[in-house]
Each structure stands twice: as C-alpha cells, then as structure tokens.
Amino acid sequence: MGWHDALAVRSAELGKTSTEFKAGARRKAIATGLFLMAVCAVGYFVGWMWALVPGAAAVWSALQCVSAAMIASRLEAMEAQPQSEQMP
C-alpha cells in the first residue's frame, strides 16, 4: 500500500469524500497558476533571482495539487466499491 493509498484510507475513516479532495486540487491548481504569474512579474520587474521565491511556492502548490488529485482518485475508487468489498 502506497503513501497516497494510506492517506485515502485514513481520509475515508475521517469521513472525507473525493469531492472535497477534488475541490482542494482545483484550489491548488489555481494557486499554482497565480504563483506562476507572480514568477513572471517578479522576474520581469525585479530579476530572475527573486523570481525563485514565488517559483518555489508554485512548485510546492503543484505538488499539493497532484497529491490531492491522487487521493481523490483513490477515494473515488473506494466509494465505487460495494460496502462488502471495502476494507474494515
């Protein structure tokens, strides 16, 4: 069982749904886009060395987006299974 699988199981135990993680992934994707725009603006007006700061935030936000999407897909698979097949 991978890390995202374990997180999906734990989230299901806490009552979280795939819809919540999809919404989180969507928010993180929007944030990533805004950070990338900030990278361009800071790089253009101040310098590309300073653009590394919002660039690091963009990378972190993108990783969180991918992680939330992976957990959402695993939760969807768990929600699609009949109750008798799910793990206790």
Protein backbone atom coordinates (compact mmCIF):
# COMPACT_ATOMS: atom_id res chain seq x y z
CA MET A 1 0.00 0.00 0.00
CA GLY A 2 1.45 3.30 -1.09
CA TRP A 3 1.50 6.55 0.79
CA HIS A 4 -1.45 8.05 -1.09
CA ASP A 5 -3.42 4.83 -0.57
CA ALA A 6 -2.84 5.07 3.17
CA LEU A 7 -3.86 8.72 3.14
CA ALA A 8 -7.03 7.86 1.21
CA VAL A 9 -7.96 5.14 3.70
CA ARG A 10 -7.34 7.48 6.63
CA SER A 11 -9.36 10.25 4.95
CA ALA A 12 -12.25 7.86 4.36
CA GLU A 13 -12.14 6.88 8.03
CA LEU A 14 -12.40 10.57 8.92
CA GLY A 15 -15.42 10.96 6.64
CA LYS A 16 -13.75 12.90 3.84
CA THR A 17 -15.04 12.41 0.30
CA SER A 18 -13.44 12.56 -3.13
CA THR A 19 -15.40 15.75 -3.84
CA GLU A 20 -13.56 17.57 -1.07
CA PHE A 21 -10.18 16.49 -2.42
CA LYS A 22 -11.18 17.45 -5.98
CA ALA A 23 -12.08 20.92 -4.73
CA GLY A 24 -8.75 21.12 -2.91
CA ALA A 25 -6.88 20.06 -6.03
CA ARG A 26 -8.74 22.69 -8.04
CA ARG A 27 -7.83 25.40 -5.49
CA LYS A 28 -4.18 24.34 -5.56
CA ALA A 29 -4.16 24.38 -9.37
CA ILE A 30 -5.48 27.94 -9.36
CA ALA A 31 -2.90 28.92 -6.74
CA THR A 32 -0.15 27.36 -8.86
CA GLY A 33 -1.24 29.45 -11.83
CA LEU A 34 -1.22 32.61 -9.74
CA PHE A 35 2.24 31.82 -8.39
CA LEU A 36 3.49 31.26 -11.94
CA MET A 37 2.11 34.65 -12.94
CA ALA A 38 3.91 36.13 -9.94
CA VAL A 39 7.12 34.42 -11.10
CA CYS A 40 6.80 36.12 -14.48
CA ALA A 41 6.01 39.52 -12.98
CA VAL A 42 8.78 39.38 -10.37
CA GLY A 43 11.25 38.07 -12.93
CA TYR A 44 10.41 40.85 -15.36
CA PHE A 45 10.36 43.76 -12.92
CA VAL A 46 12.84 42.77 -10.21
CA GLY A 47 15.05 39.99 -11.51
CA TRP A 48 15.01 36.29 -12.07
CA MET A 49 16.86 35.51 -8.85
CA TRP A 50 13.96 36.99 -6.88
CA ALA A 51 11.53 35.02 -9.01
CA LEU A 52 12.79 31.85 -7.32
CA VAL A 53 10.76 32.71 -4.21
CA PRO A 54 7.32 32.53 -5.84
CA GLY A 55 8.71 29.76 -8.05
CA ALA A 56 9.33 27.59 -5.01
CA ALA A 57 5.80 28.32 -3.82
CA ALA A 58 4.48 27.33 -7.26
CA VAL A 59 6.32 24.02 -7.15
CA TRP A 60 5.02 23.28 -3.65
CA SER A 61 1.47 24.17 -4.67
CA ALA A 62 1.72 21.98 -7.77
CA LEU A 63 2.89 19.02 -5.68
CA GLN A 64 -0.04 19.51 -3.32
CA CYS A 65 -2.41 19.67 -6.30
CA VAL A 66 -1.12 16.38 -7.69
CA SER A 67 -1.28 14.74 -4.27
CA ALA A 68 -4.88 15.87 -3.69
CA ALA A 69 -5.88 14.62 -7.14
CA MET A 70 -4.28 11.22 -6.48
CA ILE A 71 -6.07 10.88 -3.15
CA ALA A 72 -9.35 11.94 -4.78
CA SER A 73 -9.00 9.25 -7.43
CA ARG A 74 -8.32 6.60 -4.80
CA LEU A 75 -11.29 7.78 -2.74
CA GLU A 76 -13.48 7.62 -5.84
CA ALA A 77 -12.42 4.02 -6.37
CA MET A 78 -13.19 3.23 -2.74
CA GLU A 79 -16.59 4.95 -2.95
CA ALA A 80 -17.45 2.98 -6.08
CA GLN A 81 -16.84 -0.36 -4.37
CA PRO A 82 -19.78 -2.07 -2.66
CA GLN A 83 -19.61 -1.91 1.15
CA SER A 84 -18.97 -5.67 1.44
CA GLU A 85 -15.71 -5.41 -0.58
CA GLN A 86 -14.23 -2.45 1.32
CA MET A 87 -11.60 -3.00 3.94
CA PRO A 88 -12.75 -2.92 7.58
